[in-house]
Amino acid sequence: MNPNILRQARKLQEQLAKIQEELGKETVTGSAGAGAVEVTLTGHGSFAGIKIAAQAVDPADLETLEDLIGIAFKDAQTKVAELSAARMGPLAGGLGLPGL
């Protein structure tokens, strides 16, 4: 096997590990209801926190609060995917593989 390919593969593996480590230290926040509910996830997608404004809590209408939490969580997940793609994109281009 070509030593240059092996060297390039090792370099890409090291870069990937570094990016993964950095992603774990970053957070993104998704929101719903004009910021009434905010869900924070790490760059790996793990739950990091939630904030719920007092006006979002109506004991007679918990379904709306549940919906807002779900929407904020999905928004945060989308932001995690975007962050990951932005960080990993340059690496995928360095592989020289079609479709990446």
Foldseek 3Di string as FASTA:
>chain_A
DDVVLVVLVVVLVVLVVVLVVVQQVAKDWFFPPVRQKIWIAGLVLHGDDIHHHPVLDDVVCVVSVVVGNVRRSVRRVVVSVVSVCVSCVVSVVVVPDPPD
